[in-house]
Every structure is written in C-alpha cells, then in structure tokens.
Amino acid sequence: MNGAEALARTLVACGVDTCFANPGTSEMHFVAALDRVADFRPVLGLAETVVGGCADGYARMSGRPAAALFHCGPGLANGLAALHNARRAHAPVVALVGDHARAHRLLDPPLAADTEALARTVSLWVRTVAEAGRIGADAAQAVHAARSAPGGVATLVVPADCAWTDGTAPAEALAPAASAAVAPEGVREVARILRRGEAAMLLLGGAALLERGLRAAARVAEASGAALRAPTQVARMARGRGRPAVDRVPYVVDQALATLAPLRHLVLVGARAPVGFFAYPGKPSRLWPPDCTVHVLARPDQDAVAALEALADELGAVRDPPRIAWGAPPEPGQGPFRPDAFGRTLAALLPEDAIVCEDAVTSGRALFAHTFDAPPNDWIQITGGAIGFGFPAATGAAIACPGRRVVCLQSDGGGMYSVQALWTQARERTDVVNVVFANRRYAILQGELVATGARPGRAAAALFDLAPPELDWVRLAGALGVEAARVETLEDFADRFRAACAVRGPFLIEFRLP
C-alpha cells in the first residue's frame, strides 16, 4: 500500500468520508487511491475558494470534518478566504495540501511556496509529512486536532514522494478531546451576579445557539431577567417557531452601542466579547459600555450547554419554561424588495427543517427579526467576513444533509467571488435554492464610505458600481448547469420559490432590487 492509499484509509477510519477537491499533479496518487477506498466520496470544485467553502458548510451542518484537497501553496492560498471563515466558525476541516516531492522541492520549482506559513494563518494545527511511514499517523493527528474542542482547521502538507512510496499503513482513529467542563464555582459566581437584578445580557455562541443550548439559555433569562443575544454573525443557529427568538448584536456600530448601552454585566457563553467589524473615526472598537463588566461563563473550548443548564438549575429556573405563544403564520409580502417584507415572505415560505445559508450582506441585515416565526430551521452565516461564502457553504451543507432543503441568500457582489460553486451544485444534484440579491453594486461599501467619514467622488462610485455591464445571473447560472429565473416583485419571488422547493436539484432566483 502506498502513502496515498494509507492516507485515504486513515481518513475513512477517522470518520472523514467526503473530500472536496481541486487536485493537481502533486495529488495524483491520492486521486488514484480513491478508486481503491470504498465509502470515500470525492466532490470536485472548480476553484479552491469553492473547495474550502464547501468543507466549511459541510462541517458546520454534519458536526464532523470533511477533507479539502488543495494543490501546493498557491492552491491553498486561493482557498484561504474560505478557510478563514471556517476558522472563525470553529468548523472542523482537514485541509490536505499536496506538495512537491522532497528532493524536487530543494530545486525551488515554480510552484514551491512556504506552504506551512500560509496554512498557519487559518489553522490551529499544521504539519508536513516528514516520511512516508508517518503519513497515516499524521492524518489521524490532523483529524484529532480538527475535531478537538472548539474545532477548527487542521492542515496536513503531503509531499508527493510520501504519497507514492509503498510499504505504508493506515492508522487508527484518535478520540477527539471533549469540551472542558466549567467549574461549579464559575457557575455559582455568574448566578450570584445575575441575582443582583442589574441589567445583564448573555451573549451566546457555538453550541449554545443550538436547540438544547437555547432552551437552557431561555430558562436562565426567565429566572434572572437577563437578555439574550447572539454574535453579529453566527456559525450555526437553531431558529424558527418553537425556539427562543434570540437576535444578533447589530453590525452597525452605533446600533450595537445603543443595544448594549444599558448593560452592567455581559456574560459570555461560548462567545467572544463583541467588537466592531472595523474601526471608525471617533467611535469605540469595544461595543460594551465602559461601566459594564464582562464575565465568562464558558470559553469556546468549554461545554457551554452544560454550563447554561447548571446555571439555570442554580438560579432555580423552572425545568420547562412556558412555550412561546406564536401568532398566525406570516403571509408573503407584495411589491418590490424591502428587507423587512422579504424576511416575512421567506418566513412564510421556508420549508420545515430547511438550512438557510446567508451571505446577503446589506440585504440580509434585517432578516433575523422578521424570520423568528419561520418553520424550524438552521441558519449559518459568514463568520469571518470573507464574502463569497454563500454558494460554496450551501453546497457543502446540502451534501452533509441530504433530504433537507438548503436556501442560499447571496449578495450579487459576493456571489461573483465563488460563482463556480453553482457548477458543483448541478453536478452533485444538490437541493439548493439560491437567491441572489441583485442590487448591481457593492452597497455595503457605499455605507462604509459614509461610516468612515471618507468623501465620495467619481472614483469611489466607479469602484462600487457593478454596472455596466450588468451581471446576468440567469445566464451565468444556466452556463454552469443550474436552472434560473429573474423576479422583481415579492409575488413573483413567492411563485418561483415555491416551485423550486417542490422539485429536486438546484435552482437560482435573481431578485432584481430597485
């Protein structure tokens, strides 16, 4: 058995059975080995940002790693933006980077790069296979690192000669390190603070935003009066009717400052203290008020759900808080696109147990508050701010969760970063409905121009304008194998969305904004 086959068999033994790939010459033996390894699914992406984004979406929704195969240092560099989002989401991803044979690398061939240095920018664990006999053990270590709490990107660089050398063997799986328990005294201290009755908020992240964590947080809120919020961008969140309606910290700094201004205590539960996405002249970077004390109930690597349940018990919270009283289901809106009306329309039409993958940028900021009463769903977002997340992550989520409908909400500017993912959706027959908000400009940058105090002019306008020529998403999708339609009203959107959800395979709706 050569090293490539040992690598593939080790990955399968460790529970990694899907590989999103954009291979090159250095990975040919690994590609060939896939024909000899059962239960290992290769998925082709036409760009490395697609490969990394697919692995991110897959990991978030399956809870286990996918492999992402890159060609040498430049291939990895092309995928770094997607892996940056995965890192911020603590998504378990095993990045495999084929490299030059060791002797050949000494000659500094054109594709040679400092691959480990590139990998360290997004990875919690990096290793280059030193000899063929180590490849199985190194692969098992990579999976172990990616899966260990809180999870993240583990990168294994594989020289080509280590892949083609015979006489190697696969390794057994290593048990991932579980989330660390929160000390009881830490729980009691937070309970003591909440009993004061001073304005307090729990900021929830990680598993605290899934079903069990949200129910425990709701018990804490019911018993203490503390508010609940999620970070500005969520890695994954259980949402919809029957689940606590937890909103996010606003993106816009002034709005975030106003939201957090009354607080005297901010309790972090698997989340980081909130800071602005960017610095702005004359505005603070920390979003909590100066007289607010930040407390940590659970770090991201700790068991936040168990800590919330212990906190609820410490506060004497009722075991089963009253069910949320929802009104009548929302009705689809009418007329041209407005974020609030679109949110209500989406809430009315969303299939039960759908996965919403959101990279809508300005068009998506107002959607959370208007989709609380949608049917139960999971919502994943662009955690690292590297746009182009939507199409690939939706593709990976659909492959991870066959049978569930995925709805991708994608800005048109960001969508052009990773439009090749539509081809993978068509090839794999994924059940994804892509909604592209076509405002034909980088609208978020127009807002940032004003927020930073810069003075716009003709050059700025030219850099933010996506027309002319206008992007034709119907033709773009069709060229990549995805059926598409264009709409301009909420009524037409509702008709197209219902029809797309009624059939198998991907579809794209270009929603032209005023």
Protein backbone atom coordinates (compact mmCIF):
# COMPACT_ATOMS: atom_id res chain seq x y z
CA MET A 1 0.00 0.00 0.00
CA ASN A 2 1.38 3.42 -0.90
CA GLY A 3 1.18 6.51 1.27
CA ALA A 4 -1.75 7.99 -0.65
CA GLU A 5 -3.92 4.95 -0.01
CA ALA A 6 -2.84 4.84 3.63
CA LEU A 7 -3.86 8.48 3.91
CA ALA A 8 -7.30 7.88 2.40
CA ARG A 9 -7.94 4.78 4.51
CA THR A 10 -6.92 6.61 7.66
CA LEU A 11 -9.31 9.44 6.91
CA VAL A 12 -12.20 7.00 6.45
CA ALA A 13 -11.28 5.20 9.66
CA CYS A 14 -11.42 8.57 11.43
CA GLY A 15 -14.91 9.33 10.11
CA VAL A 16 -13.87 11.60 7.23
CA ASP A 17 -15.69 10.20 4.21
CA THR A 18 -16.07 13.26 1.95
CA CYS A 19 -13.29 15.13 0.15
CA PHE A 20 -13.92 18.44 -1.63
CA ALA A 21 -11.08 18.72 -4.08
CA ASN A 22 -9.32 20.76 -6.73
CA PRO A 23 -6.34 18.48 -7.38
CA GLY A 24 -3.12 18.96 -9.34
CA THR A 25 -0.04 16.94 -10.28
CA SER A 26 1.25 16.54 -6.72
CA GLU A 27 -2.03 14.92 -5.67
CA MET A 28 -2.37 12.38 -8.48
CA HIS A 29 -1.52 9.35 -6.34
CA PHE A 30 -4.09 10.40 -3.76
CA VAL A 31 -6.70 10.83 -6.50
CA ALA A 32 -5.87 7.37 -7.87
CA ALA A 33 -6.10 5.87 -4.38
CA LEU A 34 -9.73 6.95 -4.09
CA ASP A 35 -10.66 4.22 -6.59
CA ARG A 36 -9.39 1.64 -4.09
CA VAL A 37 -11.05 3.07 -0.97
CA ALA A 38 -14.73 2.39 -0.50
CA ASP A 39 -17.07 4.86 1.21
CA PHE A 40 -14.95 7.90 0.38
CA ARG A 41 -16.80 10.49 -1.71
CA PRO A 42 -14.81 12.92 -3.87
CA VAL A 43 -16.51 16.20 -4.83
CA LEU A 44 -14.92 18.45 -7.43
CA GLY A 45 -14.83 22.21 -7.00
CA LEU A 46 -13.73 24.42 -9.89
CA ALA A 47 -11.92 26.86 -7.62
CA GLU A 48 -10.16 26.48 -4.29
CA THR A 49 -12.43 29.01 -2.59
CA VAL A 50 -15.29 26.67 -3.50
CA VAL A 51 -13.42 23.69 -2.05
CA GLY A 52 -12.78 25.43 1.27
CA GLY A 53 -16.28 26.91 1.49
CA CYS A 54 -17.92 23.55 0.78
CA ALA A 55 -15.86 21.92 3.52
CA ASP A 56 -16.90 24.70 5.91
CA GLY A 57 -20.63 24.33 5.23
CA TYR A 58 -20.37 20.54 5.39
CA ALA A 59 -18.58 20.64 8.75
CA ARG A 60 -21.00 23.10 10.32
CA MET A 61 -24.03 21.00 9.43
CA SER A 62 -22.63 17.49 9.90
CA GLY A 63 -20.60 18.28 13.02
CA ARG A 64 -17.65 16.33 11.65
CA PRO A 65 -14.78 17.14 9.30
CA ALA A 66 -14.65 16.96 5.56
CA ALA A 67 -11.32 16.90 3.78
CA ALA A 68 -10.44 19.80 1.50
CA LEU A 69 -7.74 18.99 -1.08
CA PHE A 70 -5.54 21.81 -2.42
CA HIS A 71 -2.69 21.86 -4.93
CA CYS A 72 0.57 23.16 -3.46
CA GLY A 73 0.95 26.50 -1.70
CA PRO A 74 -0.71 28.66 -4.38
CA GLY A 75 -3.78 26.42 -4.39
CA LEU A 76 -4.05 26.71 -0.63
CA ALA A 77 -3.60 30.49 -0.94
CA ASN A 78 -6.60 30.62 -3.27
CA GLY A 79 -8.69 28.91 -0.60
CA LEU A 80 -7.53 30.92 2.42
CA ALA A 81 -10.52 33.29 2.48
CA ALA A 82 -12.92 30.35 2.76
CA LEU A 83 -10.78 28.68 5.42
CA HIS A 84 -10.68 31.99 7.30
CA ASN A 85 -14.46 31.82 7.65
CA ALA A 86 -14.18 28.18 8.78
CA ARG A 87 -11.61 29.16 11.41
CA ARG A 88 -13.88 31.86 12.81
CA ALA A 89 -16.76 29.34 12.92
CA HIS A 90 -14.63 26.69 14.68
CA ALA A 91 -15.67 24.39 11.83
CA PRO A 92 -13.69 21.12 11.79
CA VAL A 93 -11.90 20.93 8.43
CA VAL A 94 -8.95 18.77 7.42
CA ALA A 95 -7.03 20.69 4.75
CA LEU A 96 -4.81 18.41 2.66
CA VAL A 97 -2.16 20.17 0.60
CA GLY A 98 -0.21 18.19 -1.95
CA ASP A 99 3.35 19.43 -2.22
CA HIS A 100 6.43 18.77 -4.34
CA ALA A 101 8.47 15.63 -3.76
CA ARG A 102 11.06 16.43 -1.13
CA ALA A 103 14.11 16.19 -3.39
CA HIS A 104 12.40 18.19 -6.14
CA ARG A 105 11.42 20.93 -3.72
CA LEU A 106 15.08 21.62 -2.98
CA LEU A 107 15.43 22.87 -6.57
CA ASP A 108 12.87 25.67 -5.94
CA PRO A 109 10.42 24.79 -8.77
CA PRO A 110 7.86 27.40 -9.82
CA LEU A 111 5.02 26.24 -7.52
CA ALA A 112 7.22 25.97 -4.42
CA ALA A 113 5.96 28.16 -1.57
CA ASP A 114 6.13 28.47 2.18
CA THR A 115 3.00 26.38 2.48
CA GLU A 116 3.18 25.94 6.23
CA ALA A 117 3.35 29.71 6.73
CA LEU A 118 0.24 30.15 4.57
CA ALA A 119 -1.56 27.39 6.46
CA ARG A 120 -0.81 28.87 9.88
CA THR A 121 -2.87 31.97 9.08
CA VAL A 122 -6.07 29.88 9.25
CA SER A 123 -5.11 26.63 11.01
CA LEU A 124 -4.96 25.54 14.63
CA TRP A 125 -2.65 22.65 13.66
CA VAL A 126 -0.12 22.37 10.81
CA ARG A 127 2.25 19.58 9.89
CA THR A 128 4.25 18.45 6.85
CA VAL A 129 4.64 14.69 6.46
CA ALA A 130 8.35 14.04 7.05
CA GLU A 131 8.48 10.46 5.75
CA ALA A 132 6.08 8.08 4.07
CA GLY A 133 5.82 5.79 7.07
CA ARG A 134 4.33 8.64 9.12
CA ILE A 135 1.51 9.56 6.76
CA GLY A 136 -1.21 7.50 8.46
CA ALA A 137 -0.32 8.67 11.95
CA ASP A 138 -0.09 12.28 10.80
CA ALA A 139 -3.50 12.06 9.15
CA ALA A 140 -5.05 10.66 12.32
CA GLN A 141 -3.47 13.54 14.27
CA ALA A 142 -4.91 16.05 11.80
CA VAL A 143 -8.46 14.72 12.22
CA HIS A 144 -7.99 14.63 16.00
CA ALA A 145 -6.88 18.28 16.01
CA ALA A 146 -9.75 19.44 13.77
CA ARG A 147 -12.36 17.71 15.94
CA SER A 148 -10.99 18.63 19.36
CA ALA A 149 -12.93 21.39 21.11
CA PRO A 150 -13.68 24.01 19.98
CA GLY A 151 -12.82 22.67 16.49
CA GLY A 152 -11.05 24.27 13.56
CA VAL A 153 -8.86 23.83 10.50
CA ALA A 154 -6.04 21.30 10.65
CA THR A 155 -3.66 21.34 7.68
CA LEU A 156 -1.55 18.38 6.58
CA VAL A 157 1.02 19.04 3.84
CA VAL A 158 1.80 15.85 1.88
CA PRO A 159 4.95 15.72 -0.28
CA ALA A 160 4.30 13.79 -3.49
CA ASP A 161 7.00 11.19 -2.81
CA CYS A 162 5.43 10.38 0.57
CA ALA A 163 2.20 9.69 -1.31
CA TRP A 164 3.71 7.43 -3.97
CA THR A 165 6.06 5.45 -1.70
CA ASP A 166 4.94 1.86 -0.99
CA GLY A 167 5.12 -0.02 2.29
CA THR A 168 2.95 2.28 4.39
CA ALA A 169 -0.09 1.50 6.51
CA PRO A 170 -3.18 3.38 7.70
CA ALA A 171 -3.56 4.46 11.32
CA GLU A 172 -6.43 4.09 13.75
CA ALA A 173 -8.63 6.99 14.80
CA LEU A 174 -7.77 9.04 17.86
CA ALA A 175 -10.53 10.13 20.21
CA PRO A 176 -11.09 13.90 19.97
CA ALA A 177 -10.61 16.00 23.06
CA ALA A 178 -14.02 16.74 24.52
CA SER A 179 -15.15 20.18 25.60
CA ALA A 180 -13.78 21.05 29.02
CA ALA A 181 -16.27 21.29 31.88
CA VAL A 182 -16.97 24.62 33.52
CA ALA A 183 -16.07 24.67 37.21
CA PRO A 184 -19.09 24.78 39.56
CA GLU A 185 -17.71 27.84 41.33
CA GLY A 186 -17.75 29.69 38.00
CA VAL A 187 -21.42 28.86 37.55
CA ARG A 188 -22.21 29.98 41.10
CA GLU A 189 -20.38 33.28 40.56
CA VAL A 190 -22.39 34.12 37.45
CA ALA A 191 -25.59 33.16 39.27
CA ARG A 192 -24.65 35.50 42.11
CA ILE A 193 -24.14 38.36 39.64
CA LEU A 194 -27.45 37.73 37.86
CA ARG A 195 -29.34 37.67 41.17
CA ARG A 196 -28.39 41.32 41.70
CA GLY A 197 -31.05 42.29 39.22
CA GLU A 198 -28.74 44.72 37.39
CA ALA A 199 -29.02 44.97 33.61
CA ALA A 200 -27.35 41.86 32.20
CA MET A 201 -27.05 40.04 28.91
CA LEU A 202 -25.90 36.55 27.95
CA LEU A 203 -24.00 36.54 24.63
CA LEU A 204 -24.39 33.04 23.19
CA GLY A 205 -22.05 31.33 20.73
CA GLY A 206 -21.15 27.86 19.49
CA ALA A 207 -23.34 25.03 20.78
CA ALA A 208 -25.23 27.48 23.00
CA LEU A 209 -27.05 28.56 19.82
CA LEU A 210 -28.32 25.07 19.06
CA GLU A 211 -31.63 23.64 20.31
CA ARG A 212 -30.55 22.42 23.73
CA GLY A 213 -28.38 25.44 24.46
CA LEU A 214 -31.12 27.92 23.53
CA ARG A 215 -33.64 26.19 25.77
CA ALA A 216 -31.23 26.33 28.70
CA ALA A 217 -30.49 30.00 27.99
CA ALA A 218 -34.22 30.73 27.90
CA ARG A 219 -34.55 29.16 31.35
CA VAL A 220 -31.77 31.45 32.62
CA ALA A 221 -33.43 34.50 31.07
CA GLU A 222 -36.81 33.57 32.54
CA ALA A 223 -35.33 33.17 36.03
CA SER A 224 -33.00 36.17 36.04
CA GLY A 225 -34.39 38.73 33.61
CA ALA A 226 -31.13 38.72 31.65
CA ALA A 227 -31.35 39.49 27.95
CA LEU A 228 -30.11 37.04 25.31
CA ARG A 229 -28.16 37.89 22.16
CA ALA A 230 -26.09 36.12 19.53
CA PRO A 231 -22.91 37.46 17.91
CA THR A 232 -23.25 39.59 14.79
CA GLN A 233 -22.52 36.54 12.64
CA VAL A 234 -23.45 33.04 13.77
CA ALA A 235 -21.67 29.84 12.79
CA ARG A 236 -24.90 27.88 13.18
CA MET A 237 -28.12 28.65 14.99
CA ALA A 238 -31.37 26.78 15.55
CA ARG A 239 -34.19 29.15 14.67
CA GLY A 240 -37.91 29.27 13.90
CA ARG A 241 -41.24 28.68 15.63
CA GLY A 242 -40.98 26.97 18.99
CA ARG A 243 -37.42 28.18 19.58
CA PRO A 244 -36.33 31.19 21.64
CA ALA A 245 -36.23 34.34 19.49
CA VAL A 246 -32.65 35.46 20.06
CA ASP A 247 -31.46 38.37 17.92
CA ARG A 248 -27.89 39.26 16.99
CA VAL A 249 -25.70 42.14 18.11
CA PRO A 250 -26.19 44.69 15.28
CA TYR A 251 -23.45 45.10 12.68
CA VAL A 252 -23.68 48.89 12.57
CA VAL A 253 -21.56 50.26 15.42
CA ASP A 254 -23.99 52.97 16.54
CA GLN A 255 -26.82 50.45 16.69
CA ALA A 256 -24.66 47.95 18.59
CA LEU A 257 -23.60 50.61 21.10
CA ALA A 258 -27.22 51.57 21.67
CA THR A 259 -28.25 47.93 22.15
CA LEU A 260 -25.55 47.25 24.74
CA ALA A 261 -25.58 50.68 26.43
CA PRO A 262 -27.92 49.75 29.34
CA LEU A 263 -25.80 46.76 30.40
CA ARG A 264 -23.91 46.49 33.64
CA HIS A 265 -22.96 42.84 33.11
CA LEU A 266 -22.16 40.96 29.90
CA VAL A 267 -21.84 37.19 30.30
CA LEU A 268 -20.00 35.32 27.54
CA VAL A 269 -21.27 31.80 26.82
CA GLY A 270 -19.10 30.20 24.16
CA ALA A 271 -18.71 33.61 22.52
CA ARG A 272 -16.09 36.33 22.33
CA ALA A 273 -16.60 39.83 23.70
CA PRO A 274 -18.22 41.91 20.92
CA VAL A 275 -16.09 44.32 18.92
CA GLY A 276 -16.83 46.21 15.73
CA PHE A 277 -16.00 44.66 12.39
CA PHE A 278 -13.88 47.75 11.66
CA ALA A 279 -12.57 50.83 13.39
CA TYR A 280 -14.26 54.16 12.68
CA PRO A 281 -13.01 57.65 13.49
CA GLY A 282 -14.28 58.82 16.86
CA LYS A 283 -16.06 55.55 17.71
CA PRO A 284 -15.01 52.82 20.17
CA SER A 285 -13.93 49.40 18.98
CA ARG A 286 -15.30 47.63 22.06
CA LEU A 287 -19.07 47.57 21.84
CA TRP A 288 -19.93 47.14 25.52
CA PRO A 289 -20.15 50.27 27.71
CA PRO A 290 -17.19 51.31 29.90
CA ASP A 291 -19.09 50.66 33.14
CA CYS A 292 -20.16 47.16 32.05
CA THR A 293 -18.24 44.19 33.49
CA VAL A 294 -17.56 41.25 31.17
CA HIS A 295 -17.85 37.78 32.74
CA VAL A 296 -17.04 34.40 31.17
CA LEU A 297 -19.40 31.54 31.91
CA ALA A 298 -17.87 29.29 29.24
CA ARG A 299 -14.99 29.73 26.82
CA PRO A 300 -15.41 28.44 23.24
CA ASP A 301 -13.48 25.28 24.18
CA GLN A 302 -15.71 24.58 27.18
CA ASP A 303 -19.10 22.86 27.43
CA ALA A 304 -21.34 25.91 27.14
CA VAL A 305 -24.58 23.93 27.07
CA ALA A 306 -23.84 22.07 30.31
CA ALA A 307 -22.80 25.38 31.90
CA LEU A 308 -26.11 27.01 30.89
CA GLU A 309 -28.10 24.09 32.26
CA ALA A 310 -26.15 24.22 35.53
CA LEU A 311 -26.68 27.98 35.71
CA ALA A 312 -30.42 27.57 35.17
CA ASP A 313 -30.57 24.99 37.96
CA GLU A 314 -28.50 27.22 40.26
CA LEU A 315 -30.98 30.04 39.67
CA GLY A 316 -33.92 27.74 40.44
CA ALA A 317 -35.32 28.11 36.94
CA VAL A 318 -38.33 26.02 36.03
CA ARG A 319 -37.37 22.90 34.13
CA ASP A 320 -39.78 23.54 31.27
CA PRO A 321 -40.41 27.27 30.68
CA PRO A 322 -43.72 28.26 29.10
CA ARG A 323 -43.95 27.66 25.38
CA ILE A 324 -43.59 30.75 23.22
CA ALA A 325 -47.03 31.91 22.09
CA TRP A 326 -46.80 32.43 18.35
CA GLY A 327 -49.48 34.19 16.37
CA ALA A 328 -50.73 33.23 12.95
CA PRO A 329 -48.03 32.18 10.47
CA PRO A 330 -46.67 35.09 8.42
CA GLU A 331 -48.02 35.87 4.98
CA PRO A 332 -45.89 36.56 1.88
CA GLY A 333 -45.39 40.25 1.10
CA GLN A 334 -46.19 42.23 -2.01
CA GLY A 335 -44.40 44.72 -4.21
CA PRO A 336 -40.67 45.34 -4.75
CA PHE A 337 -37.89 44.10 -2.50
CA ARG A 338 -37.67 45.54 1.00
CA PRO A 339 -35.62 43.69 3.62
CA ASP A 340 -38.46 43.52 6.15
CA ALA A 341 -41.03 42.40 3.59
CA PHE A 342 -38.64 39.84 2.14
CA GLY A 343 -37.93 38.49 5.63
CA ARG A 344 -41.63 37.96 6.28
CA THR A 345 -42.04 36.36 2.86
CA LEU A 346 -39.16 33.99 3.50
CA ALA A 347 -40.61 33.12 6.90
CA ALA A 348 -43.93 32.27 5.26
CA LEU A 349 -42.41 30.09 2.52
CA LEU A 350 -39.42 28.40 4.14
CA PRO A 351 -39.75 24.60 4.17
CA GLU A 352 -39.66 22.97 7.59
CA ASP A 353 -36.19 21.84 8.70
CA ALA A 354 -34.54 23.94 6.00
CA ILE A 355 -30.96 25.18 6.20
CA VAL A 356 -30.52 28.89 5.49
CA CYS A 357 -27.03 29.84 4.34
CA GLU A 358 -26.74 33.62 4.45
CA ASP A 359 -24.16 35.81 2.74
CA ALA A 360 -26.62 38.53 1.81
CA VAL A 361 -24.59 41.40 3.34
CA THR A 362 -26.68 44.63 3.28
CA SER A 363 -29.80 42.84 2.03
CA GLY A 364 -29.62 40.37 4.90
CA ARG A 365 -29.12 42.61 7.93
CA ALA A 366 -32.83 42.99 8.66
CA LEU A 367 -33.80 39.37 8.02
CA PHE A 368 -33.29 37.94 11.52
CA ALA A 369 -36.06 39.82 13.30
CA HIS A 370 -38.56 39.01 10.55
CA THR A 371 -37.83 35.26 10.39
CA PHE A 372 -38.21 34.31 14.06
CA ASP A 373 -41.59 32.76 13.29
CA ALA A 374 -40.49 30.78 10.24
CA PRO A 375 -40.80 26.99 10.41
CA PRO A 376 -37.93 25.39 12.40
CA ASN A 377 -34.63 25.78 10.55
CA ASP A 378 -30.87 26.05 10.93
CA TRP A 379 -29.13 29.29 9.95
CA ILE A 380 -25.43 29.58 9.06
CA GLN A 381 -23.56 32.79 8.22
CA ILE A 382 -20.31 34.29 7.01
CA THR A 383 -18.48 34.30 10.35
CA GLY A 384 -15.16 35.72 9.16
CA GLY A 385 -16.40 38.48 6.88
CA ALA A 386 -14.76 36.99 3.76
CA ILE A 387 -17.57 37.34 1.21
CA GLY A 388 -18.34 34.67 -1.35
CA PHE A 389 -19.29 32.25 1.44
CA GLY A 390 -22.88 31.56 0.41
CA PHE A 391 -22.77 29.41 -2.73
CA PRO A 392 -19.98 27.04 -1.56
CA ALA A 393 -21.19 26.69 2.05
CA ALA A 394 -24.72 25.97 0.85
CA THR A 395 -23.32 23.28 -1.45
CA GLY A 396 -21.41 21.64 1.38
CA ALA A 397 -24.40 21.87 3.73
CA ALA A 398 -26.63 20.16 1.16
CA ILE A 399 -24.13 17.32 0.73
CA ALA A 400 -23.88 16.95 4.51
CA CYS A 401 -27.67 16.86 4.97
CA PRO A 402 -29.36 15.06 2.07
CA GLY A 403 -33.11 15.35 2.27
CA ARG A 404 -33.06 18.86 3.75
CA ARG A 405 -33.72 21.89 1.57
CA VAL A 406 -30.94 24.49 1.61
CA VAL A 407 -31.76 28.14 0.90
CA CYS A 408 -28.75 30.26 -0.03
CA LEU A 409 -29.16 34.02 0.37
CA GLN A 410 -26.31 35.58 -1.59
CA SER A 411 -25.37 39.16 -2.50
CA ASP A 412 -24.51 39.65 -6.15
CA GLY A 413 -21.08 41.16 -5.48
CA GLY A 414 -20.09 38.41 -3.06
CA GLY A 415 -21.57 35.75 -5.32
CA MET A 416 -19.08 36.60 -8.08
CA TYR A 417 -16.25 35.54 -5.75
CA SER A 418 -17.39 31.91 -5.85
CA VAL A 419 -19.91 31.55 -8.67
CA GLN A 420 -18.17 28.30 -9.74
CA ALA A 421 -19.92 26.57 -6.82
CA LEU A 422 -23.12 26.55 -8.89
CA TRP A 423 -21.44 24.04 -11.20
CA THR A 424 -20.77 21.74 -8.25
CA GLN A 425 -24.40 22.10 -7.17
CA ALA A 426 -25.53 21.00 -10.63
CA ARG A 427 -23.04 18.14 -10.83
CA GLU A 428 -24.00 16.78 -7.39
CA ARG A 429 -27.75 17.48 -7.82
CA THR A 430 -27.92 19.31 -4.51
CA ASP A 431 -31.25 20.59 -3.24
CA VAL A 432 -30.27 24.26 -3.02
CA VAL A 433 -32.45 27.24 -3.86
CA ASN A 434 -30.07 30.15 -4.44
CA VAL A 435 -31.49 33.66 -4.06
CA VAL A 436 -29.22 36.37 -5.45
CA PHE A 437 -29.97 39.93 -4.35
CA ALA A 438 -29.06 41.87 -7.48
CA ASN A 439 -28.60 45.49 -6.46
CA ARG A 440 -25.80 45.78 -9.06
CA ARG A 441 -23.39 47.49 -6.67
CA TYR A 442 -21.23 46.93 -3.62
CA ALA A 443 -23.87 48.51 -1.41
CA ILE A 444 -22.10 47.67 1.81
CA LEU A 445 -19.06 49.65 0.70
CA GLN A 446 -21.20 52.66 -0.06
CA GLY A 447 -22.37 52.53 3.54
CA GLU A 448 -18.85 52.02 4.84
CA LEU A 449 -17.66 55.04 2.86
CA VAL A 450 -20.06 57.23 4.79
CA ALA A 451 -19.38 55.49 8.12
CA THR A 452 -15.63 56.06 7.91
CA GLY A 453 -16.08 59.74 7.10
CA ALA A 454 -14.41 59.45 3.70
CA ARG A 455 -15.56 61.82 0.98
CA PRO A 456 -17.03 60.00 -2.03
CA GLY A 457 -16.36 61.07 -5.57
CA ARG A 458 -16.36 59.73 -9.12
CA ALA A 459 -13.56 57.22 -8.49
CA ALA A 460 -15.35 55.79 -5.46
CA ALA A 461 -18.58 55.50 -7.40
CA ALA A 462 -16.82 53.61 -10.18
CA LEU A 463 -15.29 51.11 -7.75
CA PHE A 464 -18.63 50.31 -6.12
CA ASP A 465 -20.80 50.10 -9.25
CA LEU A 466 -21.36 46.65 -10.82
CA ALA A 467 -22.99 48.05 -13.95
CA PRO A 468 -22.34 48.48 -16.78
CA PRO A 469 -22.08 45.76 -17.85
CA GLU A 470 -24.83 44.28 -15.71
CA LEU A 471 -24.39 40.81 -14.28
CA ASP A 472 -26.91 38.43 -15.84
CA TRP A 473 -27.41 35.79 -13.17
CA VAL A 474 -29.90 33.80 -15.20
CA ARG A 475 -27.37 33.30 -17.98
CA LEU A 476 -24.49 32.77 -15.54
CA ALA A 477 -26.40 30.04 -13.72
CA GLY A 478 -27.50 28.42 -16.95
CA ALA A 479 -23.93 28.28 -18.23
CA LEU A 480 -22.99 26.40 -15.04
CA GLY A 481 -25.86 23.92 -15.31
CA VAL A 482 -28.35 25.49 -12.86
CA GLU A 483 -31.85 26.48 -13.97
CA ALA A 484 -32.67 30.08 -13.07
CA ALA A 485 -35.30 32.79 -13.23
CA ARG A 486 -35.42 36.54 -12.64
CA VAL A 487 -38.02 38.26 -10.45
CA GLU A 488 -38.67 41.86 -9.46
CA THR A 489 -41.57 41.55 -7.00
CA LEU A 490 -42.26 39.56 -3.88
CA GLU A 491 -45.26 37.94 -5.55
CA ASP A 492 -43.13 36.60 -8.40
CA PHE A 493 -40.47 35.52 -5.93
CA ALA A 494 -43.03 33.56 -3.91
CA ASP A 495 -44.21 31.71 -7.02
CA ARG A 496 -40.68 30.84 -8.15
CA PHE A 497 -39.54 29.88 -4.66
CA ARG A 498 -42.48 27.51 -4.12
CA ALA A 499 -41.85 25.86 -7.48
CA ALA A 500 -38.12 25.48 -6.82
CA CYS A 501 -38.73 23.88 -3.41
CA ALA A 502 -41.15 21.37 -4.97
CA VAL A 503 -38.53 19.69 -7.18
CA ARG A 504 -35.14 18.10 -6.67
CA GLY A 505 -31.88 19.76 -7.67
CA PRO A 506 -30.54 23.31 -7.57
CA PHE A 507 -32.29 26.46 -8.75
CA LEU A 508 -31.31 30.14 -8.78
CA ILE A 509 -33.62 33.13 -8.38
CA GLU A 510 -32.19 36.51 -9.33
CA PHE A 511 -34.13 39.09 -7.33
CA ARG A 512 -33.53 42.45 -9.00
CA LEU A 513 -33.57 45.17 -6.38
CA PRO A 514 -34.79 48.72 -7.07
